[in-house]
Amino acid sequence: MFHRMRQFFRRYFSVNAVVLWVLNKALPSQWGRVTNVDIDRDSSDVSLTLDDGELSTELMLCGYKIEMVGDGQARLHWRKVVVQGGNKAALQGYFKDRSSMLIPIPSRFVVLVEMLGRNKLKSV
């Protein structure tokens, strides 16, 4: 049974799919939908592409770190934020005085991401 579930998740889900779903739930809807996530673990950078139907905005969090602060809570920290594109003014205003953001993450998704990541490492 576990083997079949693992095959299903490998085929139809990826870590990026889960991250996209969690971020789209956590980020304000007026920013648009997150359509792409690129994670560079070596330099600790996260690049998000936000699309609100009319404008596309690129958001890069430099020097990110994720800290679990409670059951179902994660705090995303960053050193610097770079915003490019259509919704630049609104996003820069939001990130101006912030260096972290609390994101509610159901614990089952943390387990799923860990399981998908572990499977990916084993298959390489």
PDB file of N, CA and C in Angstrom:
ATOM      1  N   MET A   1       0.824  -1.193   0.000  1.00  0.00           N
ATOM      2  CA  MET A   1       0.000   0.000   0.000  1.00  0.00           C
ATOM      3  C   MET A   1       0.868   1.258   0.000  1.00  0.00           C
ATOM      4  N   PHE A   2       1.861   1.300   0.883  1.00  0.00           N
ATOM      5  CA  PHE A   2       2.745   2.465   0.951  1.00  0.00           C
ATOM      6  C   PHE A   2       3.485   2.654  -0.369  1.00  0.00           C
ATOM      7  N   HIS A   3       3.910   1.552  -0.977  1.00  0.00           N
ATOM      8  CA  HIS A   3       4.637   1.615  -2.251  1.00  0.00           C
ATOM      9  C   HIS A   3       3.767   2.251  -3.342  1.00  0.00           C
ATOM     10  N   ARG A   4       2.491   1.900  -3.397  1.00  0.00           N
ATOM     11  CA  ARG A   4       1.587   2.470  -4.399  1.00  0.00           C
ATOM     12  C   ARG A   4       1.344   3.951  -4.151  1.00  0.00           C
ATOM     13  N   MET A   5       1.198   4.335  -2.895  1.00  0.00           N
ATOM     14  CA  MET A   5       1.026   5.754  -2.584  1.00  0.00           C
ATOM     15  C   MET A   5       2.265   6.541  -2.978  1.00  0.00           C
ATOM     16  N   ARG A   6       3.431   5.998  -2.689  1.00  0.00           N
ATOM     17  CA  ARG A   6       4.678   6.673  -3.023  1.00  0.00           C
ATOM     18  C   ARG A   6       4.800   6.840  -4.538  1.00  0.00           C
ATOM     19  N   GLN A   7       4.454   5.813  -5.299  1.00  0.00           N
ATOM     20  CA  GLN A   7       4.491   5.914  -6.757  1.00  0.00           C
ATOM     21  C   GLN A   7       3.523   6.982  -7.261  1.00  0.00           C
ATOM     22  N   PHE A   8       2.332   7.036  -6.678  1.00  0.00           N
ATOM     23  CA  PHE A   8       1.344   8.036  -7.066  1.00  0.00           C
ATOM     24  C   PHE A   8       1.887   9.440  -6.839  1.00  0.00           C
ATOM     25  N   PHE A   9       2.443   9.694  -5.640  1.00  0.00           N
ATOM     26  CA  PHE A   9       2.956  11.022  -5.338  1.00  0.00           C
ATOM     27  C   PHE A   9       4.164  11.374  -6.202  1.00  0.00           C
ATOM     28  N   ARG A  10       5.006  10.428  -6.486  1.00  0.00           N
ATOM     29  CA  ARG A  10       6.151  10.698  -7.365  1.00  0.00           C
ATOM     30  C   ARG A  10       5.689  11.084  -8.766  1.00  0.00           C
ATOM     31  N   ARG A  11       4.654  10.449  -9.228  1.00  0.00           N
ATOM     32  CA  ARG A  11       4.190  10.686 -10.589  1.00  0.00           C
ATOM     33  C   ARG A  11       3.423  11.997 -10.714  1.00  0.00           C
ATOM     34  N   TYR A  12       2.578  12.331  -9.743  1.00  0.00           N
ATOM     35  CA  TYR A  12       1.662  13.451  -9.911  1.00  0.00           C
ATOM     36  C   TYR A  12       1.970  14.678  -9.062  1.00  0.00           C
ATOM     37  N   PHE A  13       2.801  14.546  -8.064  1.00  0.00           N
ATOM     38  CA  PHE A  13       3.110  15.679  -7.209  1.00  0.00           C
ATOM     39  C   PHE A  13       4.611  15.880  -7.165  1.00  0.00           C
ATOM     40  N   SER A  14       5.009  17.112  -6.949  1.00  0.00           N
ATOM     41  CA  SER A  14       6.417  17.414  -6.742  1.00  0.00           C
ATOM     42  C   SER A  14       6.509  18.352  -5.552  1.00  0.00           C
ATOM     43  N   VAL A  15       7.711  18.582  -5.084  1.00  0.00           N
ATOM     44  CA  VAL A  15       7.901  19.523  -3.984  1.00  0.00           C
ATOM     45  C   VAL A  15       7.420  20.899  -4.418  1.00  0.00           C
ATOM     46  N   ASN A  16       7.720  21.301  -5.662  1.00  0.00           N
ATOM     47  CA  ASN A  16       7.294  22.615  -6.142  1.00  0.00           C
ATOM     48  C   ASN A  16       5.778  22.750  -6.170  1.00  0.00           C
ATOM     49  N   ALA A  17       5.059  21.692  -6.516  1.00  0.00           N
ATOM     50  CA  ALA A  17       3.601  21.750  -6.541  1.00  0.00           C
ATOM     51  C   ALA A  17       3.044  22.014  -5.145  1.00  0.00           C
ATOM     52  N   VAL A  18       3.593  21.367  -4.151  1.00  0.00           N
ATOM     53  CA  VAL A  18       3.147  21.580  -2.769  1.00  0.00           C
ATOM     54  C   VAL A  18       3.510  22.986  -2.312  1.00  0.00           C
ATOM     55  N   VAL A  19       4.731  23.445  -2.631  1.00  0.00           N
ATOM     56  CA  VAL A  19       5.166  24.796  -2.252  1.00  0.00           C
ATOM     57  C   VAL A  19       4.276  25.840  -2.919  1.00  0.00           C
ATOM     58  N   LEU A  20       3.951  25.667  -4.196  1.00  0.00           N
ATOM     59  CA  LEU A  20       3.055  26.597  -4.889  1.00  0.00           C
ATOM     60  C   LEU A  20       1.698  26.663  -4.200  1.00  0.00           C
ATOM     61  N   TRP A  21       1.153  25.510  -3.835  1.00  0.00           N
ATOM     62  CA  TRP A  21      -0.155  25.485  -3.195  1.00  0.00           C
ATOM     63  C   TRP A  21      -0.123  26.209  -1.849  1.00  0.00           C
ATOM     64  N   VAL A  22       0.902  25.934  -1.040  1.00  0.00           N
ATOM     65  CA  VAL A  22       1.006  26.565   0.284  1.00  0.00           C
ATOM     66  C   VAL A  22       1.183  28.069   0.142  1.00  0.00           C
ATOM     67  N   LEU A  23       2.054  28.523  -0.770  1.00  0.00           N
ATOM     68  CA  LEU A  23       2.278  29.959  -0.947  1.00  0.00           C
ATOM     69  C   LEU A  23       1.035  30.665  -1.472  1.00  0.00           C
ATOM     70  N   ASN A  24       0.315  30.051  -2.387  1.00  0.00           N
ATOM     71  CA  ASN A  24      -0.905  30.678  -2.895  1.00  0.00           C
ATOM     72  C   ASN A  24      -1.957  30.819  -1.807  1.00  0.00           C
ATOM     73  N   LYS A  25      -1.973  29.914  -0.844  1.00  0.00           N
ATOM     74  CA  LYS A  25      -2.892  30.038   0.292  1.00  0.00           C
ATOM     75  C   LYS A  25      -2.430  31.117   1.275  1.00  0.00           C
ATOM     76  N   ALA A  26      -1.107  31.275   1.442  1.00  0.00           N
ATOM     77  CA  ALA A  26      -0.569  32.149   2.481  1.00  0.00           C
ATOM     78  C   ALA A  26      -0.429  33.608   2.052  1.00  0.00           C
ATOM     79  N   LEU A  27      -0.090  33.861   0.803  1.00  0.00           N
ATOM     80  CA  LEU A  27       0.169  35.228   0.355  1.00  0.00           C
ATOM     81  C   LEU A  27      -1.134  35.959   0.067  1.00  0.00           C
ATOM     82  N   PRO A  28      -1.154  37.285   0.262  1.00  0.00           N
ATOM     83  CA  PRO A  28      -2.373  38.060  -0.010  1.00  0.00           C
ATOM     84  C   PRO A  28      -2.827  37.913  -1.464  1.00  0.00           C
ATOM     85  N   SER A  29      -4.124  37.792  -1.674  1.00  0.00           N
ATOM     86  CA  SER A  29      -4.654  37.540  -3.021  1.00  0.00           C
ATOM     87  C   SER A  29      -4.447  38.722  -3.959  1.00  0.00           C
ATOM     88  N   GLN A  30      -4.328  39.955  -3.438  1.00  0.00           N
ATOM     89  CA  GLN A  30      -4.129  41.110  -4.312  1.00  0.00           C
ATOM     90  C   GLN A  30      -2.752  41.109  -4.979  1.00  0.00           C
ATOM     91  N   TRP A  31      -1.824  40.283  -4.500  1.00  0.00           N
ATOM     92  CA  TRP A  31      -0.514  40.159  -5.150  1.00  0.00           C
ATOM     93  C   TRP A  31      -0.609  39.333  -6.421  1.00  0.00           C
ATOM     94  N   GLY A  32      -1.656  38.552  -6.576  1.00  0.00           N
ATOM     95  CA  GLY A  32      -1.779  37.630  -7.703  1.00  0.00           C
ATOM     96  C   GLY A  32      -1.446  36.219  -7.259  1.00  0.00           C
ATOM     97  N   ARG A  33      -1.439  35.324  -8.217  1.00  0.00           N
ATOM     98  CA  ARG A  33      -1.135  33.917  -7.924  1.00  0.00           C
ATOM     99  C   ARG A  33       0.330  33.639  -8.187  1.00  0.00           C
ATOM    100  N   VAL A  34       0.920  32.813  -7.343  1.00  0.00           N
ATOM    101  CA  VAL A  34       2.294  32.370  -7.561  1.00  0.00           C
ATOM    102  C   VAL A  34       2.247  31.332  -8.674  1.00  0.00           C
ATOM    103  N   THR A  35       2.943  31.618  -9.781  1.00  0.00           N
ATOM    104  CA  THR A  35       2.919  30.706 -10.922  1.00  0.00           C
ATOM    105  C   THR A  35       4.213  29.923 -11.075  1.00  0.00           C
ATOM    106  N   ASN A  36       5.280  30.393 -10.430  1.00  0.00           N
ATOM    107  CA  ASN A  36       6.554  29.684 -10.543  1.00  0.00           C
ATOM    108  C   ASN A  36       7.386  29.927  -9.288  1.00  0.00           C
ATOM    109  N   VAL A  37       8.070  28.900  -8.837  1.00  0.00           N
ATOM    110  CA  VAL A  37       8.978  28.991  -7.690  1.00  0.00           C
ATOM    111  C   VAL A  37      10.304  28.362  -8.093  1.00  0.00           C
ATOM    112  N   ASP A  38      11.381  29.120  -7.923  1.00  0.00           N
ATOM    113  CA  ASP A  38      12.729  28.586  -8.132  1.00  0.00           C
ATOM    114  C   ASP A  38      13.480  28.715  -6.820  1.00  0.00           C
ATOM    115  N   ILE A  39      13.980  27.604  -6.308  1.00  0.00           N
ATOM    116  CA  ILE A  39      14.694  27.589  -5.034  1.00  0.00           C
ATOM    117  C   ILE A  39      16.144  27.228  -5.299  1.00  0.00           C
ATOM    118  N   ASP A  40      17.047  28.133  -4.916  1.00  0.00           N
ATOM    119  CA  ASP A  40      18.484  27.886  -5.040  1.00  0.00           C
ATOM    120  C   ASP A  40      19.018  27.664  -3.631  1.00  0.00           C
ATOM    121  N   ARG A  41      19.187  26.411  -3.258  1.00  0.00           N
ATOM    122  CA  ARG A  41      19.593  26.093  -1.888  1.00  0.00           C
ATOM    123  C   ARG A  41      21.045  26.455  -1.616  1.00  0.00           C
ATOM    124  N   ASP A  42      21.888  26.486  -2.660  1.00  0.00           N
ATOM    125  CA  ASP A  42      23.296  26.828  -2.461  1.00  0.00           C
ATOM    126  C   ASP A  42      23.466  28.270  -2.004  1.00  0.00           C
ATOM    127  N   SER A  43      22.774  29.199  -2.664  1.00  0.00           N
ATOM    128  CA  SER A  43      22.900  30.610  -2.289  1.00  0.00           C
ATOM    129  C   SER A  43      21.756  31.075  -1.396  1.00  0.00           C
ATOM    130  N   SER A  44      20.849  30.183  -1.022  1.00  0.00           N
ATOM    131  CA  SER A  44      19.697  30.483  -0.160  1.00  0.00           C
ATOM    132  C   SER A  44      18.822  31.592  -0.737  1.00  0.00           C
ATOM    133  N   ASP A  45      18.497  31.479  -2.023  1.00  0.00           N
ATOM    134  CA  ASP A  45      17.620  32.440  -2.683  1.00  0.00           C
ATOM    135  C   ASP A  45      16.356  31.735  -3.152  1.00  0.00           C
ATOM    136  N   VAL A  46      15.238  32.446  -3.052  1.00  0.00           N
ATOM    137  CA  VAL A  46      13.960  31.957  -3.568  1.00  0.00           C
ATOM    138  C   VAL A  46      13.437  33.001  -4.540  1.00  0.00           C
ATOM    139  N   SER A  47      13.065  32.567  -5.725  1.00  0.00           N
ATOM    140  CA  SER A  47      12.510  33.454  -6.733  1.00  0.00           C
ATOM    141  C   SER A  47      11.067  33.040  -6.994  1.00  0.00           C
ATOM    142  N   LEU A  48      10.141  33.991  -6.846  1.00  0.00           N
ATOM    143  CA  LEU A  48       8.720  33.737  -7.066  1.00  0.00           C
ATOM    144  C   LEU A  48       8.237  34.570  -8.239  1.00  0.00           C
ATOM    145  N   THR A  49       7.444  33.989  -9.107  1.00  0.00           N
ATOM    146  CA  THR A  49       6.785  34.734 -10.171  1.00  0.00           C
ATOM    147  C   THR A  49       5.317  34.842  -9.798  1.00  0.00           C
ATOM    148  N   LEU A  50       4.840  36.085  -9.669  1.00  0.00           N
ATOM    149  CA  LEU A  50       3.453  36.361  -9.304  1.00  0.00           C
ATOM    150  C   LEU A  50       2.730  36.910 -10.527  1.00  0.00           C
ATOM    151  N   ASP A  51       1.547  36.400 -10.810  1.00  0.00           N
ATOM    152  CA  ASP A  51       0.779  36.834 -11.973  1.00  0.00           C
ATOM    153  C   ASP A  51      -0.632  37.165 -11.519  1.00  0.00           C
ATOM    154  N   ASP A  52      -1.062  38.422 -11.744  1.00  0.00           N
ATOM    155  CA  ASP A  52      -2.411  38.813 -11.337  1.00  0.00           C
ATOM    156  C   ASP A  52      -3.368  38.924 -12.522  1.00  0.00           C
ATOM    157  N   GLY A  53      -3.018  38.335 -13.640  1.00  0.00           N
ATOM    158  CA  GLY A  53      -3.868  38.376 -14.818  1.00  0.00           C
ATOM    159  C   GLY A  53      -3.445  39.450 -15.803  1.00  0.00           C
ATOM    160  N   GLU A  54      -3.025  40.610 -15.299  1.00  0.00           N
ATOM    161  CA  GLU A  54      -2.584  41.702 -16.161  1.00  0.00           C
ATOM    162  C   GLU A  54      -1.074  41.882 -16.109  1.00  0.00           C
ATOM    163  N   LEU A  55      -0.533  41.842 -14.908  1.00  0.00           N
ATOM    164  CA  LEU A  55       0.887  42.120 -14.709  1.00  0.00           C
ATOM    165  C   LEU A  55       1.593  40.917 -14.107  1.00  0.00           C
ATOM    166  N   SER A  56       2.850  40.770 -14.470  1.00  0.00           N
ATOM    167  CA  SER A  56       3.680  39.716 -13.901  1.00  0.00           C
ATOM    168  C   SER A  56       4.780  40.375 -13.073  1.00  0.00           C
ATOM    169  N   THR A  57       5.013  39.857 -11.889  1.00  0.00           N
ATOM    170  CA  THR A  57       5.999  40.429 -10.978  1.00  0.00           C
ATOM    171  C   THR A  57       6.949  39.337 -10.519  1.00  0.00           C
ATOM    172  N   GLU A  58       8.229  39.658 -10.505  1.00  0.00           N
ATOM    173  CA  GLU A  58       9.269  38.733 -10.038  1.00  0.00           C
ATOM    174  C   GLU A  58       9.690  39.179  -8.637  1.00  0.00           C
ATOM    175  N   LEU A  59       9.622  38.275  -7.678  1.00  0.00           N
ATOM    176  CA  LEU A  59       9.970  38.557  -6.288  1.00  0.00           C
ATOM    177  C   LEU A  59      11.096  37.619  -5.884  1.00  0.00           C
ATOM    178  N   MET A  60      12.237  38.179  -5.482  1.00  0.00           N
ATOM    179  CA  MET A  60      13.367  37.345  -5.077  1.00  0.00           C
ATOM    180  C   MET A  60      13.687  37.612  -3.610  1.00  0.00           C
ATOM    181  N   LEU A  61      13.670  36.540  -2.815  1.00  0.00           N
ATOM    182  CA  LEU A  61      14.047  36.610  -1.407  1.00  0.00           C
ATOM    183  C   LEU A  61      15.470  36.085  -1.294  1.00  0.00           C
ATOM    184  N   CYS A  62      16.393  36.972  -0.968  1.00  0.00           N
ATOM    185  CA  CYS A  62      17.811  36.602  -0.877  1.00  0.00           C
ATOM    186  C   CYS A  62      18.140  36.215   0.559  1.00  0.00           C
ATOM    187  N   GLY A  63      18.859  35.138   0.717  1.00  0.00           N
ATOM    188  CA  GLY A  63      19.274  34.678   2.041  1.00  0.00           C
ATOM    189  C   GLY A  63      18.113  34.195   2.887  1.00  0.00           C
ATOM    190  N   TYR A  64      17.275  33.343   2.319  1.00  0.00           N
ATOM    191  CA  TYR A  64      16.101  32.873   3.058  1.00  0.00           C
ATOM    192  C   TYR A  64      16.480  31.806   4.088  1.00  0.00           C
ATOM    193  N   LYS A  65      15.635  31.707   5.097  1.00  0.00           N
ATOM    194  CA  LYS A  65      15.755  30.665   6.116  1.00  0.00           C
ATOM    195  C   LYS A  65      14.348  30.384   6.620  1.00  0.00           C
ATOM    196  N   ILE A  66      14.011  29.114   6.808  1.00  0.00           N
ATOM    197  CA  ILE A  66      12.692  28.740   7.316  1.00  0.00           C
ATOM    198  C   ILE A  66      12.850  28.196   8.722  1.00  0.00           C
ATOM    199  N   GLU A  67      12.045  28.730   9.628  1.00  0.00           N
ATOM    200  CA  GLU A  67      12.103  28.320  11.032  1.00  0.00           C
ATOM    201  C   GLU A  67      10.710  27.863  11.452  1.00  0.00           C
ATOM    202  N   MET A  68      10.600  26.643  11.933  1.00  0.00           N
ATOM    203  CA  MET A  68       9.324  26.153  12.447  1.00  0.00           C
ATOM    204  C   MET A  68       9.140  26.731  13.846  1.00  0.00           C
ATOM    205  N   VAL A  69       8.035  27.462  14.059  1.00  0.00           N
ATOM    206  CA  VAL A  69       7.827  28.150  15.327  1.00  0.00           C
ATOM    207  C   VAL A  69       6.701  27.556  16.154  1.00  0.00           C
ATOM    208  N   GLY A  70       5.980  26.633  15.630  1.00  0.00           N
ATOM    209  CA  GLY A  70       4.899  26.011  16.380  1.00  0.00           C
ATOM    210  C   GLY A  70       4.220  24.977  15.509  1.00  0.00           C
ATOM    211  N   ASP A  71       3.224  24.343  16.057  1.00  0.00           N
ATOM    212  CA  ASP A  71       2.506  23.328  15.306  1.00  0.00           C
ATOM    213  C   ASP A  71       1.759  23.993  14.156  1.00  0.00           C
ATOM    214  N   GLY A  72       2.167  23.681  12.956  1.00  0.00           N
ATOM    215  CA  GLY A  72       1.516  24.246  11.788  1.00  0.00           C
ATOM    216  C   GLY A  72       1.914  25.670  11.469  1.00  0.00           C
ATOM    217  N   GLN A  73       3.004  26.163  12.022  1.00  0.00           N
ATOM    218  CA  GLN A  73       3.457  27.527  11.771  1.00  0.00           C
ATOM    219  C   GLN A  73       4.917  27.510  11.347  1.00  0.00           C
ATOM    220  N   ALA A  74       5.232  28.270  10.332  1.00  0.00           N
ATOM    221  CA  ALA A  74       6.622  28.418   9.892  1.00  0.00           C
ATOM    222  C   ALA A  74       6.881  29.902   9.688  1.00  0.00           C
ATOM    223  N   ARG A  75       8.068  30.341  10.027  1.00  0.00           N
ATOM    224  CA  ARG A  75       8.446  31.730   9.803  1.00  0.00           C
ATOM    225  C   ARG A  75       9.525  31.737   8.732  1.00  0.00           C
ATOM    226  N   LEU A  76       9.255  32.479   7.666  1.00  0.00           N
ATOM    227  CA  LEU A  76      10.188  32.623   6.561  1.00  0.00           C
ATOM    228  C   LEU A  76      10.977  33.908   6.788  1.00  0.00           C
ATOM    229  N   HIS A  77      12.302  33.794   6.925  1.00  0.00           N
ATOM    230  CA  HIS A  77      13.191  34.944   7.127  1.00  0.00           C
ATOM    231  C   HIS A  77      13.967  35.195   5.842  1.00  0.00           C
ATOM    232  N   TRP A  78      14.383  36.439   5.629  1.00  0.00           N
ATOM    233  CA  TRP A  78      15.220  36.776   4.479  1.00  0.00           C
ATOM    234  C   TRP A  78      16.118  37.954   4.825  1.00  0.00           C
ATOM    235  N   ARG A  79      17.217  38.081   4.068  1.00  0.00           N
ATOM    236  CA  ARG A  79      18.142  39.205   4.238  1.00  0.00           C
ATOM    237  C   ARG A  79      17.717  40.401   3.402  1.00  0.00           C
ATOM    238  N   LYS A  80      17.354  40.144   2.141  1.00  0.00           N
ATOM    239  CA  LYS A  80      17.049  41.221   1.207  1.00  0.00           C
ATOM    240  C   LYS A  80      15.958  40.758   0.250  1.00  0.00           C
ATOM    241  N   VAL A  81      15.127  41.701  -0.175  1.00  0.00           N
ATOM    242  CA  VAL A  81      14.066  41.414  -1.135  1.00  0.00           C
ATOM    243  C   VAL A  81      14.283  42.275  -2.379  1.00  0.00           C
ATOM    244  N   VAL A  82      14.241  41.640  -3.544  1.00  0.00           N
ATOM    245  CA  VAL A  82      14.345  42.348  -4.820  1.00  0.00           C
ATOM    246  C   VAL A  82      13.044  42.115  -5.581  1.00  0.00           C
ATOM    247  N   VAL A  83      12.382  43.214  -5.982  1.00  0.00           N
ATOM    248  CA  VAL A  83      11.110  43.128  -6.696  1.00  0.00           C
ATOM    249  C   VAL A  83      11.281  43.761  -8.074  1.00  0.00           C
ATOM    250  N   GLN A  84      10.827  43.054  -9.100  1.00  0.00           N
ATOM    251  CA  GLN A  84      10.873  43.567 -10.466  1.00  0.00           C
ATOM    252  C   GLN A  84       9.543  43.284 -11.130  1.00  0.00           C
ATOM    253  N   GLY A  85       9.090  44.222 -11.956  1.00  0.00           N
ATOM    254  CA  GLY A  85       7.876  43.977 -12.721  1.00  0.00           C
ATOM    255  C   GLY A  85       6.738  44.898 -12.352  1.00  0.00           C
ATOM    256  N   GLY A  86       5.540  44.496 -12.740  1.00  0.00           N
ATOM    257  CA  GLY A  86       4.360  45.334 -12.699  1.00  0.00           C
ATOM    258  C   GLY A  86       3.882  45.804 -11.341  1.00  0.00           C
ATOM    259  N   ASN A  87       3.863  44.973 -10.340  1.00  0.00           N
ATOM    260  CA  ASN A  87       3.314  45.313  -9.027  1.00  0.00           C
ATOM    261  C   ASN A  87       4.421  45.707  -8.048  1.00  0.00           C
ATOM    262  N   LYS A  88       5.482  46.311  -8.574  1.00  0.00           N
ATOM    263  CA  LYS A  88       6.688  46.590  -7.798  1.00  0.00           C
ATOM    264  C   LYS A  88       6.432  47.515  -6.608  1.00  0.00           C
ATOM    265  N   ALA A  89       5.701  48.607  -6.805  1.00  0.00           N
ATOM    266  CA  ALA A  89       5.503  49.599  -5.743  1.00  0.00           C
ATOM    267  C   ALA A  89       4.775  49.003  -4.538  1.00  0.00           C
ATOM    268  N   ALA A  90       3.705  48.257  -4.782  1.00  0.00           N
ATOM    269  CA  ALA A  90       2.934  47.679  -3.676  1.00  0.00           C
ATOM    270  C   ALA A  90       3.753  46.658  -2.902  1.00  0.00           C
ATOM    271  N   LEU A  91       4.489  45.809  -3.618  1.00  0.00           N
ATOM    272  CA  LEU A  91       5.270  44.775  -2.943  1.00  0.00           C
ATOM    273  C   LEU A  91       6.461  45.356  -2.195  1.00  0.00           C
ATOM    274  N   GLN A  92       7.126  46.366  -2.774  1.00  0.00           N
ATOM    275  CA  GLN A  92       8.242  46.987  -2.065  1.00  0.00           C
ATOM    276  C   GLN A  92       7.759  47.656  -0.788  1.00  0.00           C
ATOM    277  N   GLY A  93       6.576  48.268  -0.834  1.00  0.00           N
ATOM    278  CA  GLY A  93       6.013  48.876   0.368  1.00  0.00           C
ATOM    279  C   GLY A  93       5.739  47.847   1.451  1.00  0.00           C
ATOM    280  N   TYR A  94       5.277  46.676   1.059  1.00  0.00           N
ATOM    281  CA  TYR A  94       4.991  45.619   2.024  1.00  0.00           C
ATOM    282  C   TYR A  94       6.267  45.095   2.667  1.00  0.00           C
ATOM    283  N   PHE A  95       7.309  44.891   1.879  1.00  0.00           N
ATOM    284  CA  PHE A  95       8.543  44.290   2.380  1.00  0.00           C
ATOM    285  C   PHE A  95       9.531  45.304   2.950  1.00  0.00           C
ATOM    286  N   LYS A  96       9.214  46.597   2.871  1.00  0.00           N
ATOM    287  CA  LYS A  96      10.163  47.643   3.269  1.00  0.00           C
ATOM    288  C   LYS A  96      10.712  47.457   4.677  1.00  0.00           C
ATOM    289  N   ASP A  97       9.860  47.264   5.646  1.00  0.00           N
ATOM    290  CA  ASP A  97      10.289  47.177   7.049  1.00  0.00           C
ATOM    291  C   ASP A  97      10.190  45.768   7.618  1.00  0.00           C
ATOM    292  N   ARG A  98      10.051  44.779   6.769  1.00  0.00           N
ATOM    293  CA  ARG A  98       9.913  43.405   7.253  1.00  0.00           C
ATOM    294  C   ARG A  98      11.133  42.580   6.895  1.00  0.00           C
ATOM    295  N   SER A  99      11.457  41.657   7.777  1.00  0.00           N
ATOM    296  CA  SER A  99      12.540  40.717   7.488  1.00  0.00           C
ATOM    297  C   SER A  99      12.076  39.272   7.681  1.00  0.00           C
ATOM    298  N   SER A 100      10.771  39.092   7.943  1.00  0.00           N
ATOM    299  CA  SER A 100      10.230  37.745   8.070  1.00  0.00           C
ATOM    300  C   SER A 100       8.723  37.775   7.854  1.00  0.00           C
ATOM    301  N   MET A 101       8.162  36.586   7.648  1.00  0.00           N
ATOM    302  CA  MET A 101       6.728  36.454   7.417  1.00  0.00           C
ATOM    303  C   MET A 101       6.267  35.127   7.999  1.00  0.00           C
ATOM    304  N   LEU A 102       5.165  35.145   8.744  1.00  0.00           N
ATOM    305  CA  LEU A 102       4.609  33.926   9.321  1.00  0.00           C
ATOM    306  C   LEU A 102       3.675  33.278   8.302  1.00  0.00           C
ATOM    307  N   ILE A 103       3.926  32.009   8.005  1.00  0.00           N
ATOM    308  CA  ILE A 103       3.125  31.277   7.024  1.00  0.00           C
ATOM    309  C   ILE A 103       2.517  30.065   7.713  1.00  0.00           C
ATOM    310  N   PRO A 104       1.176  29.961   7.742  1.00  0.00           N
ATOM    311  CA  PRO A 104       0.561  28.765   8.319  1.00  0.00           C
ATOM    312  C   PRO A 104       0.727  27.582   7.372  1.00  0.00           C
ATOM    313  N   ILE A 105       1.330  26.520   7.875  1.00  0.00           N
ATOM    314  CA  ILE A 105       1.562  25.320   7.071  1.00  0.00           C
ATOM    315  C   ILE A 105       0.997  24.126   7.827  1.00  0.00           C
ATOM    316  N   PRO A 106       0.007  23.441   7.256  1.00  0.00           N
ATOM    317  CA  PRO A 106      -0.487  22.228   7.910  1.00  0.00           C
ATOM    318  C   PRO A 106       0.635  21.201   8.037  1.00  0.00           C
ATOM    319  N   SER A 107       0.704  20.537   9.175  1.00  0.00           N
ATOM    320  CA  SER A 107       1.801  19.599   9.430  1.00  0.00           C
ATOM    321  C   SER A 107       1.832  18.463   8.413  1.00  0.00           C
ATOM    322  N   ARG A 108       0.687  18.093   7.855  1.00  0.00           N
ATOM    323  CA  ARG A 108       0.688  17.010   6.861  1.00  0.00           C
ATOM    324  C   ARG A 108       1.445  17.419   5.605  1.00  0.00           C
ATOM    325  N   PHE A 109       1.480  18.728   5.280  1.00  0.00           N
ATOM    326  CA  PHE A 109       2.238  19.173   4.113  1.00  0.00           C
ATOM    327  C   PHE A 109       3.728  19.185   4.387  1.00  0.00           C
ATOM    328  N   VAL A 110       4.117  19.463   5.621  1.00  0.00           N
ATOM    329  CA  VAL A 110       5.536  19.391   5.984  1.00  0.00           C
ATOM    330  C   VAL A 110       6.019  17.958   5.815  1.00  0.00           C
ATOM    331  N   VAL A 111       5.223  17.003   6.289  1.00  0.00           N
ATOM    332  CA  VAL A 111       5.576  15.586   6.149  1.00  0.00           C
ATOM    333  C   VAL A 111       5.622  15.202   4.671  1.00  0.00           C
ATOM    334  N   LEU A 112       4.662  15.673   3.877  1.00  0.00           N
ATOM    335  CA  LEU A 112       4.621  15.353   2.449  1.00  0.00           C
ATOM    336  C   LEU A 112       5.844  15.903   1.719  1.00  0.00           C
ATOM    337  N   VAL A 113       6.224  17.157   1.997  1.00  0.00           N
ATOM    338  CA  VAL A 113       7.399  17.753   1.351  1.00  0.00           C
ATOM    339  C   VAL A 113       8.658  16.997   1.746  1.00  0.00           C
ATOM    340  N   GLU A 114       8.768  16.639   3.022  1.00  0.00           N
ATOM    341  CA  GLU A 114       9.938  15.871   3.455  1.00  0.00           C
ATOM    342  C   GLU A 114       9.980  14.516   2.756  1.00  0.00           C
ATOM    343  N   MET A 115       8.816  13.864   2.634  1.00  0.00           N
ATOM    344  CA  MET A 115       8.765  12.559   1.982  1.00  0.00           C
ATOM    345  C   MET A 115       9.122  12.679   0.496  1.00  0.00           C
ATOM    346  N   LEU A 116       8.577  13.692  -0.190  1.00  0.00           N
ATOM    347  CA  LEU A 116       8.878  13.882  -1.606  1.00  0.00           C
ATOM    348  C   LEU A 116      10.345  14.224  -1.816  1.00  0.00           C
ATOM    349  N   GLY A 117      10.890  15.066  -0.953  1.00  0.00           N
ATOM    350  CA  GLY A 117      12.299  15.426  -1.064  1.00  0.00           C
ATOM    351  C   GLY A 117      13.201  14.233  -0.830  1.00  0.00           C
ATOM    352  N   ARG A 118      12.868  13.408   0.149  1.00  0.00           N
ATOM    353  CA  ARG A 118      13.669  12.222   0.453  1.00  0.00           C
ATOM    354  C   ARG A 118      13.613  11.244  -0.720  1.00  0.00           C
ATOM    355  N   ASN A 119      12.435  11.046  -1.297  1.00  0.00           N
ATOM    356  CA  ASN A 119      12.307  10.151  -2.450  1.00  0.00           C
ATOM    357  C   ASN A 119      13.110  10.669  -3.634  1.00  0.00           C
ATOM    358  N   LYS A 120      13.098  11.968  -3.831  1.00  0.00           N
ATOM    359  CA  LYS A 120      13.828  12.542  -4.948  1.00  0.00           C
ATOM    360  C   LYS A 120      15.325  12.329  -4.776  1.00  0.00           C
ATOM    361  N   LEU A 121      15.823  12.496  -3.550  1.00  0.00           N
ATOM    362  CA  LEU A 121      17.244  12.297  -3.302  1.00  0.00           C
ATOM    363  C   LEU A 121      17.638  10.841  -3.515  1.00  0.00           C
ATOM    364  N   LYS A 122      16.775   9.911  -3.123  1.00  0.00           N
ATOM    365  CA  LYS A 122      17.094   8.492  -3.283  1.00  0.00           C
ATOM    366  C   LYS A 122      17.119   8.085  -4.751  1.00  0.00           C
ATOM    367  N   SER A 123      16.262   8.708  -5.565  1.00  0.00           N
ATOM    368  CA  SER A 123      16.176   8.289  -6.960  1.00  0.00           C
ATOM    369  C   SER A 123      17.295   8.854  -7.825  1.00  0.00           C
ATOM    370  N   VAL A 124      18.009   9.859  -7.341  1.00  0.00           N
ATOM    371  CA  VAL A 124      19.082  10.475  -8.142  1.00  0.00           C
ATOM    372  C   VAL A 124      20.328   9.636  -8.121  1.00  0.00           C
TER     373      VAL A 124
END
